Amino acid sequence: MAKNTVVKKIDWLSIVFYMLLVGIGWLNIYSASVPVEEIGAFNINNLYGKQLIFIGLSVVLILFILAIEAKFYERFASIIYIVAMLSLIGLFIFGKNVNGARAWYGIGSFTLQPSEFAKTATALAFAKYISDIQTHIKNFQDQLKAILIIAIPSILILLQPDPGSTLVYSAFLFVLYREGLPGLYIFFLISLAFVFIATLKFGIPITLAVIGTGIVIYYLIKRTRNQKKAHKKKIKILPMILYFVTCIAVSGATSYIYDNVFKQHHRDRFVLWLRLENDPVKMQELKRDIGYNINQSETAIGSGGLMGKGFLQGTRTRGNYVPEQHTDYIFTTVGEEWGFAGTLFVVLLFTALLLRLLFLAERQRSQFSRVYGYSVAGIFFIHFMVNIGMVIGLLPTIGIPLPFFSYGGSGLWGFTILLFIFLKLDANRGNDWMEA
């Protein structure tokens, strides 16, 4: 596609949303990291200076992505995926341990997190497989292969351990549902997650009793409705039994997973989130220690009121009360300095981008582009929902960045690549010969 054709056909509204999010994100990184004595000056060695360099390099990435032929991303999706998986495996040998996770490659003072790029690679490989003419998503074997593409990076990232980044891969399940996977699968997987959480909170007997009661009620409702029909169908009991057996297995394995797979800081966060500690003294100690970030985050956001304290006027932001405020907790700066009005604007901006991506995905002529587009929207949604839910205390702290806002080159470049490959595919949709 000629260069001027790309300029004409690219979705400029998405680019405007991208520029606004990156720009507002940088302003908040500046506010959260600039020392008082440097206000009004510019220091390339400070976090805000480095982020500006990352933004500049993102522009180079964008130009590179748009210059490549659109079919390249589909043609070489498998190779890109393999390279990304090898980069994740390499972390266990050459990776740098930061905050208890071996998730970065260290190059001098610079670090690179391959999991941020593995999302794009997985989305490409996933879209490539689903759109293959020999793939039938309602075929059980094809479903297993599609899930395997998602499971490989998920497991590799979980072993680092980085459960936050692993959670992002649940976004692909909703894409599978869009492409024809029965909704029962989604219910099955989500319900097992709830079984795990309920077992931690209430124990095995109560959890299984509630599930068993629910299955019996479901069976009775199905039988009552079936008796009223002229053509009665046999109610399948075996799937209900298998589901209950699976719940028993998950509930029984919860304690082992919690004690042996999760690290201590992960367990502490679940204790705080689910109020698992019965000793009020220990609970208060956890709130002061593990819950310090959340308490300070909620206080900072609440202190912003309706219109905020003003740019560079946040007392908790300027006083560094909230740890990691330039990364995972960057939204607290928005809440304190921009207030409810500012946080609402940012939320609406993210929502607008997500809705735009869904609109673009749905209008694609090739299934590859559509699946990839839905994957992009799903990944952004999980990041957005979990990060803000974490910051305001609705979800446990699991360490997941806010797209285009949180400080870091790997995150910004990963999200930029993810988005602009799709915008390139969308700009090329008129040349697609495959039918959706």
Protein backbone atom coordinates (compact mmCIF):
# COMPACT_ATOMS: atom_id res chain seq x y z
CA MET A 1 0.00 0.00 0.00
CA ALA A 2 1.37 3.39 -0.94
CA LYS A 3 2.41 5.71 1.87
CA ASN A 4 -0.25 8.31 1.08
CA THR A 5 -2.91 5.56 1.05
CA VAL A 6 -1.93 4.52 4.58
CA VAL A 7 -2.19 8.13 5.76
CA LYS A 8 -5.67 8.44 4.26
CA LYS A 9 -7.04 5.12 5.44
CA ILE A 10 -5.56 4.86 8.93
CA ASP A 11 -8.04 5.47 11.74
CA TRP A 12 -7.03 8.90 12.98
CA LEU A 13 -9.61 8.90 15.77
CA SER A 14 -7.81 5.98 17.44
CA ILE A 15 -4.53 7.85 17.02
CA VAL A 16 -6.04 10.92 18.69
CA PHE A 17 -7.12 8.76 21.64
CA TYR A 18 -3.62 7.26 21.77
CA MET A 19 -1.93 10.67 21.73
CA LEU A 20 -4.22 12.01 24.46
CA LEU A 21 -3.63 9.00 26.72
CA VAL A 22 0.15 9.08 26.23
CA GLY A 23 0.26 12.87 26.72
CA ILE A 24 -1.88 12.86 29.87
CA GLY A 25 0.07 9.87 31.16
CA TRP A 26 3.36 11.73 30.73
CA LEU A 27 2.03 14.78 32.59
CA ASN A 28 1.15 12.56 35.53
CA ILE A 29 4.53 10.80 35.43
CA TYR A 30 6.14 14.24 35.46
CA SER A 31 4.08 15.27 38.49
CA ALA A 32 4.82 12.02 40.33
CA SER A 33 8.57 12.06 39.69
CA VAL A 34 9.88 15.63 39.30
CA PRO A 35 11.76 16.93 42.37
CA VAL A 36 10.59 20.29 43.74
CA GLU A 37 13.88 21.96 42.81
CA GLU A 38 13.54 20.82 39.16
CA ILE A 39 10.01 22.08 38.44
CA GLY A 40 10.14 24.09 35.24
CA ALA A 41 13.44 22.51 34.19
CA PHE A 42 14.14 19.33 32.26
CA ASN A 43 16.36 16.47 33.39
CA ILE A 44 16.79 13.63 30.95
CA ASN A 45 18.05 11.37 33.76
CA ASN A 46 14.84 11.69 35.74
CA LEU A 47 11.89 9.36 35.18
CA TYR A 48 9.84 11.92 33.27
CA GLY A 49 12.84 12.57 30.99
CA LYS A 50 13.36 8.89 30.29
CA GLN A 51 9.65 8.44 29.59
CA LEU A 52 9.83 11.25 27.04
CA ILE A 53 12.62 9.35 25.30
CA PHE A 54 10.46 6.21 25.35
CA ILE A 55 7.63 8.22 23.77
CA GLY A 56 9.99 9.51 21.06
CA LEU A 57 11.13 5.97 20.29
CA SER A 58 7.46 4.93 20.15
CA VAL A 59 7.00 7.32 17.24
CA VAL A 60 9.84 5.54 15.43
CA LEU A 61 8.15 2.20 16.18
CA ILE A 62 4.85 3.48 14.80
CA LEU A 63 6.45 4.61 11.54
CA PHE A 64 8.21 1.25 11.23
CA ILE A 65 4.99 -0.72 11.87
CA LEU A 66 3.01 1.32 9.34
CA ALA A 67 5.75 1.00 6.72
CA ILE A 68 5.65 -2.81 6.77
CA GLU A 69 3.25 -4.61 4.44
CA ALA A 70 0.09 -5.59 6.35
CA LYS A 71 0.26 -9.22 5.22
CA PHE A 72 3.66 -9.55 6.92
CA TYR A 73 2.00 -9.74 10.34
CA GLU A 74 -0.20 -12.64 9.30
CA ARG A 75 2.44 -14.42 7.23
CA PHE A 76 5.07 -14.41 9.98
CA ALA A 77 2.76 -14.65 13.01
CA SER A 78 4.03 -18.13 13.95
CA ILE A 79 7.68 -17.11 13.78
CA ILE A 80 7.03 -13.98 15.86
CA TYR A 81 5.25 -16.17 18.43
CA ILE A 82 8.12 -18.67 18.64
CA VAL A 83 10.69 -15.88 19.09
CA ALA A 84 8.55 -14.35 21.86
CA MET A 85 8.23 -17.69 23.66
CA LEU A 86 11.99 -18.25 23.44
CA SER A 87 12.51 -14.80 24.98
CA LEU A 88 10.30 -15.82 27.90
CA ILE A 89 12.16 -19.11 28.35
CA GLY A 90 15.48 -17.28 28.22
CA LEU A 91 14.51 -15.30 31.32
CA PHE A 92 15.01 -18.39 33.50
CA ILE A 93 18.66 -18.46 32.41
CA PHE A 94 19.60 -14.85 31.67
CA GLY A 95 16.83 -12.91 33.37
CA LYS A 96 17.31 -10.24 36.01
CA ASN A 97 15.48 -10.64 39.31
CA VAL A 98 13.52 -7.51 40.23
CA ASN A 99 11.13 -7.45 43.22
CA GLY A 100 11.11 -11.25 43.43
CA ALA A 101 10.26 -11.85 39.75
CA ARG A 102 12.66 -12.92 37.00
CA ALA A 103 10.81 -11.00 34.32
CA TRP A 104 13.43 -8.64 32.86
CA TYR A 105 16.55 -8.73 30.76
CA GLY A 106 19.18 -6.36 32.12
CA ILE A 107 21.31 -4.42 29.63
CA GLY A 108 23.45 -2.15 31.76
CA SER A 109 21.08 0.17 33.58
CA PHE A 110 18.35 -0.55 31.02
CA THR A 111 15.83 -3.37 31.51
CA LEU A 112 13.48 -4.98 28.99
CA GLN A 113 10.38 -6.99 29.92
CA PRO A 114 9.58 -9.53 27.16
CA SER A 115 6.14 -10.35 28.57
CA GLU A 116 4.95 -6.94 27.32
CA PHE A 117 5.77 -7.96 23.75
CA ALA A 118 4.57 -11.55 24.16
CA LYS A 119 0.98 -10.24 24.25
CA THR A 120 1.27 -8.99 20.68
CA ALA A 121 3.00 -12.19 19.54
CA THR A 122 0.28 -14.32 21.15
CA ALA A 123 -2.49 -12.19 19.62
CA LEU A 124 -0.94 -12.60 16.16
CA ALA A 125 -0.45 -16.37 16.49
CA PHE A 126 -3.90 -16.76 18.00
CA ALA A 127 -5.52 -14.80 15.15
CA LYS A 128 -3.48 -16.77 12.61
CA TYR A 129 -4.66 -20.10 13.99
CA ILE A 130 -8.31 -19.15 14.44
CA SER A 131 -8.50 -17.73 10.89
CA ASP A 132 -6.86 -20.80 9.32
CA ILE A 133 -9.22 -22.40 6.83
CA GLN A 134 -8.71 -25.80 8.50
CA THR A 135 -9.60 -24.52 11.97
CA HIS A 136 -13.15 -25.07 13.19
CA ILE A 137 -13.53 -23.52 16.61
CA LYS A 138 -16.49 -25.75 17.50
CA ASN A 139 -14.21 -28.76 17.07
CA PHE A 140 -12.87 -29.83 20.47
CA GLN A 141 -9.36 -30.57 19.20
CA ASP A 142 -9.13 -27.13 17.58
CA GLN A 143 -10.35 -25.57 20.80
CA LEU A 144 -7.55 -27.29 22.72
CA LYS A 145 -4.94 -26.07 20.22
CA ALA A 146 -6.23 -22.49 20.48
CA ILE A 147 -6.13 -22.68 24.28
CA LEU A 148 -2.61 -24.12 24.10
CA ILE A 149 -1.43 -21.02 22.21
CA ILE A 150 -2.72 -18.94 25.12
CA ALA A 151 -1.56 -21.34 27.84
CA ILE A 152 2.13 -21.51 26.87
CA PRO A 153 2.95 -17.81 27.53
CA SER A 154 0.58 -17.79 30.51
CA ILE A 155 2.47 -20.62 32.22
CA LEU A 156 5.90 -19.20 31.36
CA ILE A 157 4.93 -15.81 32.80
CA LEU A 158 3.29 -17.36 35.87
CA LEU A 159 6.52 -19.21 36.65
CA GLN A 160 8.54 -15.95 36.74
CA PRO A 161 6.30 -15.39 38.86
CA ASP A 162 4.15 -12.59 37.45
CA PRO A 163 0.46 -13.45 38.09
CA GLY A 164 -0.66 -9.97 37.01
CA SER A 165 0.67 -10.36 33.47
CA THR A 166 -0.68 -13.93 33.40
CA LEU A 167 -4.19 -12.66 34.15
CA VAL A 168 -4.11 -10.56 30.96
CA TYR A 169 -4.29 -13.71 28.83
CA SER A 170 -7.83 -14.35 30.02
CA ALA A 171 -8.78 -11.69 27.46
CA PHE A 172 -8.43 -14.27 24.69
CA LEU A 173 -11.30 -16.33 26.11
CA PHE A 174 -13.74 -13.55 25.23
CA VAL A 175 -12.30 -13.49 21.70
CA LEU A 176 -12.93 -17.22 21.44
CA TYR A 177 -16.51 -16.62 22.53
CA ARG A 178 -16.91 -14.00 19.78
CA GLU A 179 -15.63 -16.53 17.24
CA GLY A 180 -18.07 -19.25 18.26
CA LEU A 181 -16.79 -20.92 21.44
CA PRO A 182 -19.83 -21.94 23.55
CA GLY A 183 -20.49 -19.51 26.39
CA LEU A 184 -20.56 -22.50 28.75
CA TYR A 185 -16.76 -22.67 28.49
CA ILE A 186 -16.41 -19.10 29.71
CA PHE A 187 -18.80 -19.79 32.58
CA PHE A 188 -16.86 -22.94 33.45
CA LEU A 189 -13.48 -21.21 33.68
CA ILE A 190 -14.76 -18.12 35.52
CA SER A 191 -16.69 -20.26 37.98
CA LEU A 192 -13.56 -22.28 38.78
CA ALA A 193 -11.76 -19.05 39.62
CA PHE A 194 -14.62 -18.22 42.00
CA VAL A 195 -14.35 -21.73 43.50
CA PHE A 196 -10.70 -21.03 44.26
CA ILE A 197 -11.49 -17.67 45.90
CA ALA A 198 -14.52 -19.03 47.79
CA THR A 199 -12.46 -21.93 49.14
CA LEU A 200 -9.86 -19.51 50.49
CA LYS A 201 -12.55 -17.42 52.13
CA PHE A 202 -15.09 -19.98 53.36
CA GLY A 203 -13.32 -23.36 53.24
CA ILE A 204 -13.97 -26.54 51.28
CA PRO A 205 -17.20 -27.80 52.96
CA ILE A 206 -19.18 -24.56 52.60
CA THR A 207 -17.93 -23.92 49.06
CA LEU A 208 -18.83 -27.41 47.81
CA ALA A 209 -22.15 -27.36 49.66
CA VAL A 210 -23.15 -24.14 47.89
CA ILE A 211 -22.03 -25.46 44.50
CA GLY A 212 -23.82 -28.77 45.03
CA THR A 213 -27.01 -26.95 46.04
CA GLY A 214 -26.76 -24.77 42.95
CA ILE A 215 -26.39 -27.79 40.67
CA VAL A 216 -29.43 -29.50 42.27
CA ILE A 217 -31.53 -26.33 41.86
CA TYR A 218 -30.39 -26.02 38.23
CA TYR A 219 -31.36 -29.67 37.59
CA LEU A 220 -34.80 -29.22 39.18
CA ILE A 221 -35.49 -26.07 37.11
CA LYS A 222 -34.41 -27.87 33.91
CA ARG A 223 -36.65 -30.86 34.75
CA THR A 224 -39.65 -28.63 35.54
CA ARG A 225 -39.29 -26.76 32.25
CA ASN A 226 -38.77 -30.01 30.36
CA GLN A 227 -42.00 -31.50 31.76
CA LYS A 228 -43.97 -28.53 30.39
CA LYS A 229 -42.71 -29.09 26.85
CA ALA A 230 -44.54 -31.25 24.35
CA HIS A 231 -41.33 -32.84 23.10
CA LYS A 232 -39.39 -33.81 26.16
CA LYS A 233 -35.60 -34.05 25.95
CA LYS A 234 -33.40 -36.16 28.14
CA ILE A 235 -31.57 -34.01 30.69
CA LYS A 236 -27.83 -34.66 30.58
CA ILE A 237 -26.69 -35.40 34.11
CA LEU A 238 -23.12 -36.46 33.28
CA PRO A 239 -21.87 -32.89 32.53
CA MET A 240 -23.23 -31.74 35.91
CA ILE A 241 -21.43 -34.58 37.67
CA LEU A 242 -18.18 -33.84 35.83
CA TYR A 243 -18.48 -30.15 36.68
CA PHE A 244 -18.99 -30.92 40.36
CA VAL A 245 -16.05 -33.33 40.35
CA THR A 246 -13.89 -30.60 38.77
CA CYS A 247 -15.00 -28.16 41.46
CA ILE A 248 -14.04 -30.72 44.12
CA ALA A 249 -10.59 -31.05 42.52
CA VAL A 250 -10.05 -27.28 42.33
CA SER A 251 -11.30 -26.72 45.85
CA GLY A 252 -9.11 -29.54 47.16
CA ALA A 253 -6.04 -28.20 45.35
CA THR A 254 -6.58 -24.60 46.50
CA SER A 255 -4.60 -24.96 49.70
CA TYR A 256 -1.61 -26.54 47.91
CA ILE A 257 -1.58 -23.88 45.16
CA TYR A 258 -1.95 -21.09 47.70
CA ASP A 259 0.87 -22.38 49.91
CA ASN A 260 3.31 -23.66 47.29
CA VAL A 261 2.73 -21.77 44.02
CA PHE A 262 2.02 -18.29 45.36
CA LYS A 263 4.85 -16.29 46.90
CA GLN A 264 4.49 -14.84 50.39
CA HIS A 265 3.70 -11.33 49.12
CA HIS A 266 0.96 -12.79 46.90
CA ARG A 267 -0.54 -14.63 49.88
CA ASP A 268 -0.39 -11.48 52.00
CA ARG A 269 -2.34 -9.56 49.36
CA PHE A 270 -5.05 -12.24 49.27
CA VAL A 271 -5.22 -12.19 53.07
CA LEU A 272 -5.77 -8.46 52.95
CA TRP A 273 -8.23 -8.50 50.04
CA LEU A 274 -10.39 -11.36 51.36
CA ARG A 275 -9.92 -10.49 55.06
CA LEU A 276 -8.58 -14.01 55.74
CA GLU A 277 -6.82 -13.06 58.99
CA ASN A 278 -9.08 -13.41 62.03
CA ASP A 279 -6.66 -11.81 64.47
CA PRO A 280 -7.49 -8.06 64.43
CA VAL A 281 -3.98 -7.14 65.60
CA LYS A 282 -2.32 -9.04 62.74
CA MET A 283 -4.87 -7.62 60.33
CA GLN A 284 -3.94 -4.10 61.35
CA GLU A 285 -0.26 -4.96 60.90
CA LEU A 286 -0.99 -6.21 57.38
CA LYS A 287 -2.90 -3.03 56.57
CA ARG A 288 0.04 -0.92 57.71
CA ASP A 289 2.53 -3.09 55.82
CA ILE A 290 1.08 -4.87 52.76
CA GLY A 291 -1.99 -2.63 52.61
CA TYR A 292 -0.01 0.58 52.85
CA ASN A 293 -0.12 1.19 49.10
CA ILE A 294 -3.88 0.71 48.90
CA ASN A 295 -4.60 2.89 51.94
CA GLN A 296 -2.44 5.70 50.61
CA SER A 297 -3.88 5.28 47.13
CA GLU A 298 -7.48 5.52 48.33
CA THR A 299 -6.59 8.51 50.53
CA ALA A 300 -4.86 10.32 47.68
CA ILE A 301 -7.74 9.76 45.24
CA GLY A 302 -10.32 10.75 47.86
CA SER A 303 -8.46 13.93 48.74
CA GLY A 304 -8.79 15.17 45.16
CA GLY A 305 -12.48 15.88 45.57
CA LEU A 306 -14.48 17.00 42.56
CA MET A 307 -11.96 19.08 40.63
CA GLY A 308 -8.63 18.04 42.20
CA LYS A 309 -5.89 20.04 43.87
CA GLY A 310 -4.31 21.14 40.60
CA PHE A 311 -1.31 20.09 38.54
CA LEU A 312 1.80 19.65 40.75
CA GLN A 313 -0.31 20.54 43.80
CA GLY A 314 -1.02 17.05 45.11
CA THR A 315 0.39 16.85 48.62
CA ARG A 316 0.54 13.04 48.67
CA THR A 317 1.88 12.89 45.12
CA ARG A 318 4.56 15.46 45.83
CA GLY A 319 5.32 13.87 49.21
CA ASN A 320 5.81 10.38 47.71
CA TYR A 321 3.27 8.86 50.07
CA VAL A 322 2.15 6.29 47.49
CA PRO A 323 4.93 3.86 46.50
CA GLU A 324 5.26 3.05 42.78
CA GLN A 325 3.07 6.05 41.99
CA HIS A 326 4.72 6.54 38.61
CA THR A 327 4.03 2.93 37.52
CA ASP A 328 1.16 0.72 38.73
CA TYR A 329 -0.36 3.46 40.93
CA ILE A 330 -0.19 6.33 38.42
CA PHE A 331 -3.99 6.66 38.52
CA THR A 332 -3.73 8.01 42.08
CA THR A 333 -1.96 11.10 40.73
CA VAL A 334 -4.90 11.67 38.38
CA GLY A 335 -7.33 11.33 41.28
CA GLU A 336 -5.51 13.70 43.62
CA GLU A 337 -4.51 16.45 41.19
CA TRP A 338 -7.37 16.23 38.67
CA GLY A 339 -10.16 15.07 40.99
CA PHE A 340 -13.29 13.19 40.06
CA ALA A 341 -13.63 15.23 36.86
CA GLY A 342 -10.14 14.20 35.75
CA THR A 343 -10.54 10.53 36.59
CA LEU A 344 -13.91 10.46 34.82
CA PHE A 345 -12.33 12.01 31.72
CA VAL A 346 -9.54 9.41 31.71
CA VAL A 347 -12.03 6.55 32.19
CA LEU A 348 -14.21 7.89 29.36
CA LEU A 349 -11.12 8.27 27.16
CA PHE A 350 -10.16 4.63 27.71
CA THR A 351 -13.77 3.57 27.16
CA ALA A 352 -13.91 5.52 23.90
CA LEU A 353 -10.73 3.83 22.68
CA LEU A 354 -12.07 0.37 23.60
CA LEU A 355 -15.38 0.99 21.84
CA ARG A 356 -13.56 2.33 18.80
CA LEU A 357 -11.37 -0.79 18.64
CA LEU A 358 -14.44 -3.03 18.86
CA PHE A 359 -16.05 -1.05 16.04
CA LEU A 360 -12.92 -1.37 13.89
CA ALA A 361 -12.61 -5.09 14.67
CA GLU A 362 -16.19 -5.76 13.65
CA ARG A 363 -15.79 -4.08 10.26
CA GLN A 364 -12.77 -6.14 9.22
CA ARG A 365 -13.13 -8.22 6.07
CA SER A 366 -10.62 -10.88 7.08
CA GLN A 367 -11.08 -13.10 10.10
CA PHE A 368 -7.39 -12.69 11.00
CA SER A 369 -7.75 -8.93 11.34
CA ARG A 370 -11.02 -9.24 13.24
CA VAL A 371 -9.67 -11.77 15.75
CA TYR A 372 -6.52 -9.72 16.25
CA GLY A 373 -8.59 -6.55 16.75
CA TYR A 374 -10.77 -8.19 19.39
CA SER A 375 -7.63 -9.50 21.08
CA VAL A 376 -6.20 -5.97 21.25
CA ALA A 377 -9.41 -4.61 22.75
CA GLY A 378 -9.57 -7.48 25.25
CA ILE A 379 -5.98 -7.00 26.42
CA PHE A 380 -6.48 -3.26 26.88
CA PHE A 381 -9.72 -3.88 28.76
CA ILE A 382 -8.16 -6.33 31.24
CA HIS A 383 -5.28 -3.94 31.93
CA PHE A 384 -7.63 -0.98 32.34
CA MET A 385 -10.17 -2.79 34.53
CA VAL A 386 -7.68 -4.57 36.79
CA ASN A 387 -5.34 -1.60 37.28
CA ILE A 388 -8.06 0.85 38.26
CA GLY A 389 -9.85 -1.82 40.33
CA MET A 390 -6.57 -2.45 42.16
CA VAL A 391 -5.87 1.24 42.78
CA ILE A 392 -9.29 1.90 44.30
CA GLY A 393 -9.19 -1.28 46.43
CA LEU A 394 -11.79 -3.40 44.61
CA LEU A 395 -9.20 -5.95 43.46
CA PRO A 396 -6.00 -7.27 45.09
CA THR A 397 -2.69 -5.67 44.24
CA ILE A 398 -1.16 -7.85 41.53
CA GLY A 399 1.08 -5.40 39.69
CA ILE A 400 -0.38 -4.59 36.30
CA PRO A 401 0.30 -1.31 34.44
CA LEU A 402 -2.24 1.16 33.11
CA PRO A 403 -1.79 1.28 29.30
CA PHE A 404 -0.02 4.43 28.00
CA PHE A 405 0.05 5.90 31.54
CA SER A 406 2.41 3.82 33.64
CA TYR A 407 6.12 4.59 33.43
CA GLY A 408 8.30 2.20 31.44
CA GLY A 409 9.62 1.67 27.96
CA SER A 410 8.65 -2.00 27.66
CA GLY A 411 5.02 -1.32 28.59
CA LEU A 412 4.64 1.73 26.34
CA TRP A 413 6.32 0.05 23.37
CA GLY A 414 4.38 -3.19 23.89
CA PHE A 415 1.02 -1.40 23.93
CA THR A 416 2.04 0.80 21.00
CA ILE A 417 3.04 -2.18 18.86
CA LEU A 418 -0.13 -4.02 19.84
CA LEU A 419 -2.34 -1.09 18.82
CA PHE A 420 -0.62 0.08 15.66
CA ILE A 421 -0.34 -3.35 14.07
CA PHE A 422 -4.12 -3.44 14.25
CA LEU A 423 -4.44 0.07 12.84
CA LYS A 424 -2.20 -1.03 9.96
CA LEU A 425 -4.40 -4.07 9.36
CA ASP A 426 -7.49 -1.87 9.48
CA ALA A 427 -6.01 0.58 6.97
CA ASN A 428 -5.37 -2.38 4.66
CA ARG A 429 -8.83 -3.93 4.97
CA GLY A 430 -9.81 -2.83 1.44
CA ASN A 431 -7.07 -5.10 0.09
CA ASP A 432 -8.07 -8.17 2.07
CA TRP A 433 -9.14 -11.00 -0.15
CA MET A 434 -10.23 -13.30 2.67
CA GLU A 435 -13.84 -13.17 3.73
CA ALA A 436 -14.63 -12.68 7.41
